[in-house]
């Protein structure tokens, strides 16, 4: 807290924090769109609203294929016969499609 904007600006510029409130106490707590949390060894990340969900979630990719399509995907896996190699080469060839 300071009556001098210069002092507040210097504090902002010279410190590292998860959130900064110049002449504010806890107003930022009422804004779920602002993340909370420390930096470095002072915190585990950012919390508040969606930031909490993202911080404590493990994002991962997941590909689920319906059963019964094994024969369709079979050509992707070894052994690669001459016919399979030709089919894969054709599929990866210079085929193009104009969208616009």
N, C-alpha and C. Protein backbone atom coordinates (compact mmCIF):
# COMPACT_ATOMS: atom_id res chain seq x y z
N UNK A 1 0.85 -1.18 0.00
CA UNK A 1 0.00 0.00 0.00
C UNK A 1 0.89 1.23 0.00
N UNK A 2 0.56 2.15 -0.88
CA UNK A 2 1.34 3.38 -0.97
C UNK A 2 0.51 4.46 -1.64
N UNK A 3 0.76 5.69 -1.26
CA UNK A 3 0.13 6.82 -1.93
C UNK A 3 0.88 7.19 -3.21
N UNK A 4 2.02 6.57 -3.43
CA UNK A 4 2.85 6.88 -4.58
C UNK A 4 2.69 5.81 -5.66
N UNK A 5 2.22 6.21 -6.83
CA UNK A 5 2.13 5.27 -7.95
C UNK A 5 3.50 4.73 -8.34
N UNK A 6 4.53 5.55 -8.16
CA UNK A 6 5.89 5.12 -8.50
C UNK A 6 6.32 3.95 -7.60
N UNK A 7 6.01 4.02 -6.32
CA UNK A 7 6.37 2.94 -5.40
C UNK A 7 5.62 1.65 -5.77
N UNK A 8 4.34 1.77 -6.09
CA UNK A 8 3.55 0.60 -6.48
C UNK A 8 4.13 -0.02 -7.75
N UNK A 9 4.45 0.81 -8.72
CA UNK A 9 5.02 0.33 -9.99
C UNK A 9 6.37 -0.33 -9.76
N UNK A 10 7.20 0.24 -8.89
CA UNK A 10 8.50 -0.37 -8.58
C UNK A 10 8.32 -1.74 -7.93
N UNK A 11 7.36 -1.86 -7.03
CA UNK A 11 7.10 -3.16 -6.40
C UNK A 11 6.68 -4.20 -7.44
N UNK A 12 5.82 -3.78 -8.35
CA UNK A 12 5.38 -4.69 -9.41
C UNK A 12 6.55 -5.11 -10.29
N UNK A 13 7.39 -4.16 -10.67
CA UNK A 13 8.51 -4.44 -11.56
C UNK A 13 9.63 -5.25 -10.90
N UNK A 14 9.81 -5.10 -9.60
CA UNK A 14 10.96 -5.69 -8.92
C UNK A 14 10.65 -6.98 -8.15
N UNK A 15 9.42 -7.42 -8.20
CA UNK A 15 9.07 -8.64 -7.49
C UNK A 15 8.46 -9.66 -8.46
N UNK A 16 8.44 -10.89 -8.03
CA UNK A 16 7.83 -11.96 -8.80
C UNK A 16 6.75 -12.60 -7.93
N UNK A 17 5.56 -12.69 -8.46
CA UNK A 17 4.46 -13.25 -7.68
C UNK A 17 3.41 -13.85 -8.61
N UNK A 18 2.54 -14.66 -8.03
CA UNK A 18 1.46 -15.25 -8.81
C UNK A 18 0.37 -14.25 -9.13
N UNK A 19 0.22 -13.26 -8.27
CA UNK A 19 -0.76 -12.19 -8.49
C UNK A 19 -0.26 -10.95 -7.76
N UNK A 20 -0.59 -9.79 -8.26
CA UNK A 20 -0.16 -8.55 -7.64
C UNK A 20 -1.35 -7.62 -7.53
N UNK A 21 -1.55 -7.05 -6.36
CA UNK A 21 -2.62 -6.07 -6.17
C UNK A 21 -2.03 -4.80 -5.59
N UNK A 22 -1.91 -3.78 -6.40
CA UNK A 22 -1.40 -2.51 -5.92
C UNK A 22 -2.50 -1.77 -5.18
N UNK A 23 -2.30 -1.55 -3.88
CA UNK A 23 -3.29 -0.90 -3.02
C UNK A 23 -4.60 -1.69 -2.96
N UNK A 24 -4.49 -2.98 -3.09
CA UNK A 24 -5.63 -3.89 -2.98
C UNK A 24 -5.26 -4.99 -2.00
N UNK A 25 -6.21 -5.39 -1.21
CA UNK A 25 -5.97 -6.48 -0.27
C UNK A 25 -6.37 -7.81 -0.85
N UNK A 26 -7.67 -8.06 -0.91
CA UNK A 26 -8.16 -9.36 -1.33
C UNK A 26 -9.23 -9.26 -2.41
N UNK A 27 -9.32 -8.13 -3.08
CA UNK A 27 -10.34 -7.95 -4.10
C UNK A 27 -10.23 -9.01 -5.19
N UNK A 28 -9.01 -9.40 -5.53
CA UNK A 28 -8.82 -10.39 -6.60
C UNK A 28 -9.43 -11.74 -6.26
N UNK A 29 -9.65 -12.03 -4.97
CA UNK A 29 -10.26 -13.31 -4.59
C UNK A 29 -11.70 -13.42 -5.09
N UNK A 30 -12.34 -12.29 -5.32
CA UNK A 30 -13.74 -12.31 -5.77
C UNK A 30 -13.86 -12.48 -7.28
N UNK A 31 -12.75 -12.54 -7.98
CA UNK A 31 -12.76 -12.65 -9.44
C UNK A 31 -12.28 -14.04 -9.85
N UNK A 32 -13.20 -14.96 -10.15
CA UNK A 32 -12.77 -16.31 -10.51
C UNK A 32 -11.97 -16.38 -11.80
N UNK A 33 -11.97 -15.33 -12.59
CA UNK A 33 -11.20 -15.33 -13.84
C UNK A 33 -9.72 -15.06 -13.60
N UNK A 34 -9.35 -14.67 -12.37
CA UNK A 34 -7.94 -14.42 -12.06
C UNK A 34 -7.37 -15.62 -11.31
N UNK A 35 -6.20 -16.11 -11.75
CA UNK A 35 -5.59 -17.25 -11.06
C UNK A 35 -4.89 -16.81 -9.79
N UNK A 36 -4.79 -17.71 -8.82
CA UNK A 36 -4.03 -17.48 -7.60
C UNK A 36 -2.89 -18.48 -7.57
N UNK A 37 -1.88 -18.21 -6.77
CA UNK A 37 -0.79 -19.18 -6.63
C UNK A 37 0.55 -18.49 -6.65
N UNK A 38 1.51 -19.16 -6.05
CA UNK A 38 2.85 -18.61 -5.98
C UNK A 38 3.67 -18.94 -7.21
N UNK A 39 4.92 -18.53 -7.16
CA UNK A 39 5.86 -18.85 -8.24
C UNK A 39 7.04 -19.59 -7.63
N UNK A 40 7.70 -20.38 -8.43
CA UNK A 40 8.86 -21.13 -7.96
C UNK A 40 8.49 -22.09 -6.85
N UNK A 41 9.28 -22.11 -5.77
CA UNK A 41 9.04 -23.02 -4.65
C UNK A 41 7.88 -22.58 -3.77
N UNK A 42 7.29 -21.44 -4.05
CA UNK A 42 6.20 -20.93 -3.23
C UNK A 42 4.84 -21.48 -3.61
N UNK A 43 4.75 -22.22 -4.66
CA UNK A 43 3.43 -22.71 -5.06
C UNK A 43 3.51 -23.87 -6.02
N UNK A 44 2.37 -24.52 -6.19
CA UNK A 44 2.28 -25.66 -7.09
C UNK A 44 1.67 -25.28 -8.42
N UNK A 45 1.31 -24.07 -8.62
CA UNK A 45 0.66 -23.69 -9.86
C UNK A 45 -0.33 -22.57 -9.64
N UNK A 46 -1.36 -22.58 -10.45
CA UNK A 46 -2.34 -21.51 -10.40
C UNK A 46 -3.68 -22.11 -10.01
N UNK A 47 -4.37 -21.44 -9.09
CA UNK A 47 -5.64 -21.93 -8.59
C UNK A 47 -6.71 -20.88 -8.75
N UNK A 48 -7.92 -21.29 -8.77
CA UNK A 48 -9.13 -20.46 -8.77
C UNK A 48 -9.92 -20.78 -10.03
N UNK A 49 -11.13 -21.20 -9.85
CA UNK A 49 -11.98 -21.51 -11.00
C UNK A 49 -11.37 -22.56 -11.90
N UNK A 50 -11.38 -22.30 -13.19
CA UNK A 50 -10.84 -23.25 -14.17
C UNK A 50 -9.34 -23.48 -13.98
N UNK A 51 -8.63 -22.48 -13.46
CA UNK A 51 -7.19 -22.65 -13.23
C UNK A 51 -6.95 -23.79 -12.24
N UNK A 52 -7.80 -23.92 -11.21
CA UNK A 52 -7.67 -25.04 -10.26
C UNK A 52 -7.87 -26.37 -10.97
N UNK A 53 -8.89 -26.44 -11.78
CA UNK A 53 -9.17 -27.67 -12.51
C UNK A 53 -7.98 -28.06 -13.38
N UNK A 54 -7.43 -27.09 -14.12
CA UNK A 54 -6.29 -27.37 -14.99
C UNK A 54 -5.04 -27.76 -14.20
N UNK A 55 -4.79 -27.08 -13.06
CA UNK A 55 -3.61 -27.36 -12.25
C UNK A 55 -3.63 -28.76 -11.69
N UNK A 56 -4.79 -29.20 -11.24
CA UNK A 56 -4.87 -30.50 -10.58
C UNK A 56 -5.40 -31.60 -11.49
N UNK A 57 -5.43 -31.36 -12.77
CA UNK A 57 -5.86 -32.37 -13.73
C UNK A 57 -4.66 -32.89 -14.50
N UNK A 58 -4.76 -34.13 -14.88
CA UNK A 58 -3.74 -34.73 -15.74
C UNK A 58 -4.35 -34.85 -17.13
N UNK A 59 -3.93 -33.99 -18.02
CA UNK A 59 -4.45 -34.01 -19.39
C UNK A 59 -3.75 -35.12 -20.16
N UNK A 60 -4.52 -35.88 -20.87
CA UNK A 60 -3.92 -36.93 -21.69
C UNK A 60 -4.78 -37.17 -22.92
N UNK A 61 -4.13 -37.60 -23.96
CA UNK A 61 -4.84 -37.94 -25.19
C UNK A 61 -5.34 -39.36 -25.07
N UNK A 62 -6.48 -39.61 -25.66
CA UNK A 62 -7.08 -40.94 -25.61
C UNK A 62 -7.74 -41.22 -26.95
N UNK A 63 -7.40 -42.34 -27.55
CA UNK A 63 -7.99 -42.75 -28.81
C UNK A 63 -8.72 -44.06 -28.59
N UNK A 64 -10.02 -44.04 -28.79
CA UNK A 64 -10.83 -45.25 -28.64
C UNK A 64 -11.38 -45.62 -30.00
N UNK A 65 -11.15 -46.85 -30.40
CA UNK A 65 -11.67 -47.35 -31.68
C UNK A 65 -12.78 -48.34 -31.39
N UNK A 66 -13.84 -48.27 -32.18
CA UNK A 66 -14.91 -49.25 -31.97
C UNK A 66 -14.42 -50.65 -32.33
N UNK A 67 -14.90 -51.64 -31.61
CA UNK A 67 -14.48 -53.00 -31.90
C UNK A 67 -15.08 -53.44 -33.23
N UNK A 68 -14.44 -54.41 -33.83
CA UNK A 68 -14.91 -54.91 -35.11
C UNK A 68 -14.20 -54.31 -36.30
N UNK A 69 -13.33 -53.33 -36.06
CA UNK A 69 -12.61 -52.70 -37.17
C UNK A 69 -11.16 -53.17 -37.25
N UNK A 70 -10.83 -54.24 -36.53
CA UNK A 70 -9.45 -54.71 -36.51
C UNK A 70 -8.92 -55.02 -37.90
N UNK A 71 -9.75 -55.62 -38.75
CA UNK A 71 -9.32 -55.97 -40.11
C UNK A 71 -8.98 -54.72 -40.91
N UNK A 72 -9.71 -53.65 -40.66
CA UNK A 72 -9.46 -52.41 -41.37
C UNK A 72 -8.09 -51.83 -41.02
N UNK A 73 -7.70 -51.94 -39.75
CA UNK A 73 -6.43 -51.38 -39.29
C UNK A 73 -5.27 -52.37 -39.41
N UNK A 74 -5.55 -53.60 -39.76
CA UNK A 74 -4.55 -54.66 -39.80
C UNK A 74 -3.36 -54.31 -40.69
N UNK A 75 -3.62 -53.62 -41.81
CA UNK A 75 -2.54 -53.33 -42.75
C UNK A 75 -1.53 -52.33 -42.19
N UNK A 76 -1.83 -51.69 -41.06
CA UNK A 76 -0.90 -50.72 -40.47
C UNK A 76 0.24 -51.38 -39.70
N UNK A 77 0.09 -52.65 -39.37
CA UNK A 77 1.04 -53.32 -38.50
C UNK A 77 1.79 -54.42 -39.25
N UNK A 78 3.04 -54.72 -38.81
CA UNK A 78 3.82 -55.78 -39.45
C UNK A 78 3.11 -57.12 -39.36
N UNK A 79 3.45 -58.04 -40.23
CA UNK A 79 4.49 -57.97 -41.26
C UNK A 79 4.01 -57.16 -42.47
N UNK A 80 4.93 -56.41 -43.05
CA UNK A 80 4.62 -55.57 -44.20
C UNK A 80 4.93 -56.34 -45.48
N UNK A 81 3.93 -56.94 -46.03
CA UNK A 81 4.10 -57.67 -47.30
C UNK A 81 4.23 -56.65 -48.42
N UNK A 82 4.61 -57.12 -49.59
CA UNK A 82 4.73 -56.22 -50.74
C UNK A 82 3.40 -55.51 -51.01
N UNK A 83 2.30 -56.25 -50.91
CA UNK A 83 0.99 -55.66 -51.16
C UNK A 83 0.67 -54.58 -50.12
N UNK A 84 0.97 -54.85 -48.86
CA UNK A 84 0.72 -53.85 -47.81
C UNK A 84 1.56 -52.61 -48.04
N UNK A 85 2.82 -52.80 -48.39
CA UNK A 85 3.69 -51.65 -48.64
C UNK A 85 3.18 -50.83 -49.80
N UNK A 86 2.67 -51.48 -50.83
CA UNK A 86 2.11 -50.75 -51.98
C UNK A 86 0.87 -49.98 -51.55
N UNK A 87 0.00 -50.60 -50.75
CA UNK A 87 -1.21 -49.93 -50.28
C UNK A 87 -0.87 -48.72 -49.40
N UNK A 88 0.10 -48.90 -48.50
CA UNK A 88 0.51 -47.79 -47.64
C UNK A 88 1.14 -46.68 -48.47
N UNK A 89 1.99 -47.05 -49.43
CA UNK A 89 2.58 -46.05 -50.32
C UNK A 89 1.53 -45.29 -51.10
N UNK A 90 0.52 -46.00 -51.57
CA UNK A 90 -0.57 -45.34 -52.30
C UNK A 90 -1.33 -44.39 -51.37
N UNK A 91 -1.62 -44.86 -50.14
CA UNK A 91 -2.38 -44.05 -49.19
C UNK A 91 -1.61 -42.80 -48.78
N UNK A 92 -0.29 -42.90 -48.69
CA UNK A 92 0.53 -41.76 -48.28
C UNK A 92 1.05 -40.96 -49.46
N UNK A 93 0.67 -41.35 -50.66
CA UNK A 93 1.17 -40.70 -51.87
C UNK A 93 0.71 -39.26 -51.99
N UNK A 94 0.93 -38.72 -53.16
CA UNK A 94 0.68 -37.29 -53.38
C UNK A 94 -0.77 -37.03 -53.79
N UNK A 95 -1.70 -37.63 -53.09
CA UNK A 95 -3.10 -37.35 -53.35
C UNK A 95 -3.45 -36.03 -52.69
N UNK A 96 -4.25 -35.24 -53.32
CA UNK A 96 -4.62 -33.96 -52.73
C UNK A 96 -6.09 -33.68 -52.99
N UNK A 97 -6.57 -32.74 -52.25
CA UNK A 97 -7.97 -32.35 -52.34
C UNK A 97 -8.03 -30.84 -52.15
N UNK A 98 -8.71 -30.15 -53.02
CA UNK A 98 -8.85 -28.70 -52.90
C UNK A 98 -10.10 -28.40 -52.09
N UNK A 99 -9.92 -27.72 -50.98
CA UNK A 99 -11.05 -27.40 -50.11
C UNK A 99 -11.63 -26.02 -50.40
N UNK A 100 -10.81 -25.11 -50.83
CA UNK A 100 -11.30 -23.74 -51.07
C UNK A 100 -11.11 -23.35 -52.51
